[in-house]
């Protein structure tokens, strides 16, 4: 089963480790509710404003395409995928989710 949080903002005031832990816990709780604890894929679709680019910041933690220079945020590491606009965030327990780059668009007034 695939679980998607389709409108996610990250702000500078957030503690990133707590943010990531909470996102994973929310996905795990929903998977348990659907009896899919061992068979789910999770995605956070980032909805960034013109002033924020958290995807780019987090991609910096993933290092380069060959995996060199990987850094962590607390118990979390980030891994590049075959796509330029997605990352895999992995906890030390080898659980995680995909982060997909996205932006908020304005509606005509």
C-alpha atoms as a PDB file:
ATOM      1  CA  UNK A   1       0.000   0.000   0.000  1.00  0.00           C
ATOM      2  CA  UNK A   2       1.167   3.559  -0.696  1.00  0.00           C
ATOM      3  CA  UNK A   3       0.600   6.354   1.822  1.00  0.00           C
ATOM      4  CA  UNK A   4       1.041   9.965   0.710  1.00  0.00           C
ATOM      5  CA  UNK A   5       1.083  13.186   2.700  1.00  0.00           C
ATOM      6  CA  UNK A   6       0.461  15.520  -0.216  1.00  0.00           C
ATOM      7  CA  UNK A   7       0.918  19.010   1.242  1.00  0.00           C
ATOM      8  CA  UNK A   8       3.974  19.254   3.498  1.00  0.00           C
ATOM      9  CA  UNK A   9       5.744  22.421   4.617  1.00  0.00           C
ATOM     10  CA  UNK A  10       9.060  22.463   6.482  1.00  0.00           C
ATOM     11  CA  UNK A  11       9.902  25.662   8.345  1.00  0.00           C
ATOM     12  CA  UNK A  12      13.143  26.856   9.934  1.00  0.00           C
ATOM     13  CA  UNK A  13      11.556  26.685  13.401  1.00  0.00           C
ATOM     14  CA  UNK A  14      11.077  22.889  13.103  1.00  0.00           C
ATOM     15  CA  UNK A  15      13.461  20.463  14.750  1.00  0.00           C
ATOM     16  CA  UNK A  16      14.155  18.272  11.705  1.00  0.00           C
ATOM     17  CA  UNK A  17      14.773  15.042  13.592  1.00  0.00           C
ATOM     18  CA  UNK A  18      11.468  15.440  15.452  1.00  0.00           C
ATOM     19  CA  UNK A  19       9.716  16.365  12.191  1.00  0.00           C
ATOM     20  CA  UNK A  20      11.033  13.231  10.436  1.00  0.00           C
ATOM     21  CA  UNK A  21      10.292  10.981  13.428  1.00  0.00           C
ATOM     22  CA  UNK A  22       6.727  12.328  13.593  1.00  0.00           C
ATOM     23  CA  UNK A  23       6.157  11.844   9.864  1.00  0.00           C
ATOM     24  CA  UNK A  24       7.320   8.225  10.068  1.00  0.00           C
ATOM     25  CA  UNK A  25       5.187   7.582  13.142  1.00  0.00           C
ATOM     26  CA  UNK A  26       2.129   9.003  11.349  1.00  0.00           C
ATOM     27  CA  UNK A  27       2.749   6.695   8.381  1.00  0.00           C
ATOM     28  CA  UNK A  28       3.288   3.693  10.653  1.00  0.00           C
ATOM     29  CA  UNK A  29       0.075   4.420  12.579  1.00  0.00           C
ATOM     30  CA  UNK A  30      -1.943   4.621   9.361  1.00  0.00           C
ATOM     31  CA  UNK A  31      -0.326   1.433   8.049  1.00  0.00           C
ATOM     32  CA  UNK A  32      -1.246  -0.347  11.289  1.00  0.00           C
ATOM     33  CA  UNK A  33      -4.813   0.941  11.039  1.00  0.00           C
ATOM     34  CA  UNK A  34      -4.974  -0.559   7.521  1.00  0.00           C
ATOM     35  CA  UNK A  35      -3.211  -3.755   8.662  1.00  0.00           C
ATOM     36  CA  UNK A  36      -0.271  -3.027   6.337  1.00  0.00           C
ATOM     37  CA  UNK A  37       2.531  -2.619   8.903  1.00  0.00           C
ATOM     38  CA  UNK A  38       5.011  -4.709   6.928  1.00  0.00           C
ATOM     39  CA  UNK A  39       4.069  -3.739   3.393  1.00  0.00           C
ATOM     40  CA  UNK A  40       3.808  -0.023   2.732  1.00  0.00           C
ATOM     41  CA  UNK A  41       5.611   2.752   0.908  1.00  0.00           C
ATOM     42  CA  UNK A  42       5.365   6.312   2.205  1.00  0.00           C
ATOM     43  CA  UNK A  43       5.825   9.652   0.450  1.00  0.00           C
ATOM     44  CA  UNK A  44       5.987  13.235   1.689  1.00  0.00           C
ATOM     45  CA  UNK A  45       5.207  15.704  -1.087  1.00  0.00           C
ATOM     46  CA  UNK A  46       6.937  18.937  -0.152  1.00  0.00           C
ATOM     47  CA  UNK A  47       4.937  22.084  -0.857  1.00  0.00           C
ATOM     48  CA  UNK A  48       7.572  24.780  -0.734  1.00  0.00           C
ATOM     49  CA  UNK A  49       7.123  28.510  -1.081  1.00  0.00           C
ATOM     50  CA  UNK A  50       9.272  30.816  -3.196  1.00  0.00           C
ATOM     51  CA  UNK A  51      11.252  31.640  -0.024  1.00  0.00           C
ATOM     52  CA  UNK A  52      11.993  28.049   1.047  1.00  0.00           C
ATOM     53  CA  UNK A  53      13.907  25.214  -0.609  1.00  0.00           C
ATOM     54  CA  UNK A  54      14.157  22.478   1.979  1.00  0.00           C
ATOM     55  CA  UNK A  55      14.423  19.783  -0.659  1.00  0.00           C
ATOM     56  CA  UNK A  56      17.685  21.330  -1.876  1.00  0.00           C
ATOM     57  CA  UNK A  57      18.990  21.541   1.707  1.00  0.00           C
ATOM     58  CA  UNK A  58      18.110  17.909   2.431  1.00  0.00           C
ATOM     59  CA  UNK A  59      19.622  16.784  -0.887  1.00  0.00           C
ATOM     60  CA  UNK A  60      22.886  18.271   0.382  1.00  0.00           C
ATOM     61  CA  UNK A  61      22.830  15.722   3.209  1.00  0.00           C
ATOM     62  CA  UNK A  62      22.608  12.931   0.624  1.00  0.00           C
ATOM     63  CA  UNK A  63      25.962  13.864  -0.867  1.00  0.00           C
ATOM     64  CA  UNK A  64      26.715  13.312  -4.520  1.00  0.00           C
ATOM     65  CA  UNK A  65      25.325  10.729  -6.953  1.00  0.00           C
ATOM     66  CA  UNK A  66      27.942   8.125  -5.990  1.00  0.00           C
ATOM     67  CA  UNK A  67      26.893   8.345  -2.338  1.00  0.00           C
ATOM     68  CA  UNK A  68      29.978  10.179  -1.088  1.00  0.00           C
ATOM     69  CA  UNK A  69      29.748  12.722   1.745  1.00  0.00           C
ATOM     70  CA  UNK A  70      26.476  11.472   3.212  1.00  0.00           C
ATOM     71  CA  UNK A  71      25.637  13.340   6.424  1.00  0.00           C
ATOM     72  CA  UNK A  72      22.854  12.753   8.910  1.00  0.00           C
ATOM     73  CA  UNK A  73      20.281  14.671  10.894  1.00  0.00           C
ATOM     74  CA  UNK A  74      20.141  12.872  14.216  1.00  0.00           C
ATOM     75  CA  UNK A  75      19.133   9.284  13.458  1.00  0.00           C
ATOM     76  CA  UNK A  76      18.242  10.052   9.821  1.00  0.00           C
ATOM     77  CA  UNK A  77      20.252   9.708   6.623  1.00  0.00           C
ATOM     78  CA  UNK A  78      19.267  10.811   3.128  1.00  0.00           C
ATOM     79  CA  UNK A  79      19.810   8.908  -0.084  1.00  0.00           C
ATOM     80  CA  UNK A  80      19.503  10.026  -3.674  1.00  0.00           C
ATOM     81  CA  UNK A  81      17.191   8.146  -5.999  1.00  0.00           C
ATOM     82  CA  UNK A  82      17.406   7.824  -9.779  1.00  0.00           C
ATOM     83  CA  UNK A  83      15.285  10.973 -10.032  1.00  0.00           C
ATOM     84  CA  UNK A  84      16.520  14.517  -9.471  1.00  0.00           C
ATOM     85  CA  UNK A  85      13.470  15.547  -7.459  1.00  0.00           C
ATOM     86  CA  UNK A  86      13.179  12.730  -4.940  1.00  0.00           C
ATOM     87  CA  UNK A  87      15.177  11.520  -1.932  1.00  0.00           C
ATOM     88  CA  UNK A  88      14.809   8.619   0.459  1.00  0.00           C
ATOM     89  CA  UNK A  89      14.942   9.549   4.161  1.00  0.00           C
ATOM     90  CA  UNK A  90      15.972   6.547   6.263  1.00  0.00           C
ATOM     91  CA  UNK A  91      15.887   6.194  10.041  1.00  0.00           C
ATOM     92  CA  UNK A  92      18.506   4.219  11.944  1.00  0.00           C
ATOM     93  CA  UNK A  93      15.898   1.423  12.165  1.00  0.00           C
ATOM     94  CA  UNK A  94      16.010   1.153   8.332  1.00  0.00           C
ATOM     95  CA  UNK A  95      12.495   2.534   8.020  1.00  0.00           C
ATOM     96  CA  UNK A  96      11.798   5.636   6.020  1.00  0.00           C
ATOM     97  CA  UNK A  97       9.929   7.421   3.290  1.00  0.00           C
ATOM     98  CA  UNK A  98      10.430   9.281   0.052  1.00  0.00           C
ATOM     99  CA  UNK A  99      10.595  13.074  -0.084  1.00  0.00           C
ATOM    100  CA  UNK A 100       9.358  14.578  -3.342  1.00  0.00           C
ATOM    101  CA  UNK A 101      10.236  18.159  -4.307  1.00  0.00           C
ATOM    102  CA  UNK A 102       7.278  20.398  -5.030  1.00  0.00           C
ATOM    103  CA  UNK A 103       6.212  24.002  -4.841  1.00  0.00           C
ATOM    104  CA  UNK A 104       3.133  25.897  -3.875  1.00  0.00           C
ATOM    105  CA  UNK A 105       1.535  27.706  -6.770  1.00  0.00           C
ATOM    106  CA  UNK A 106      -0.568  30.813  -6.563  1.00  0.00           C
ATOM    107  CA  UNK A 107      -4.161  30.927  -7.649  1.00  0.00           C
ATOM    108  CA  UNK A 108      -5.374  33.784  -9.834  1.00  0.00           C
ATOM    109  CA  UNK A 109      -7.314  36.422  -7.938  1.00  0.00           C
END
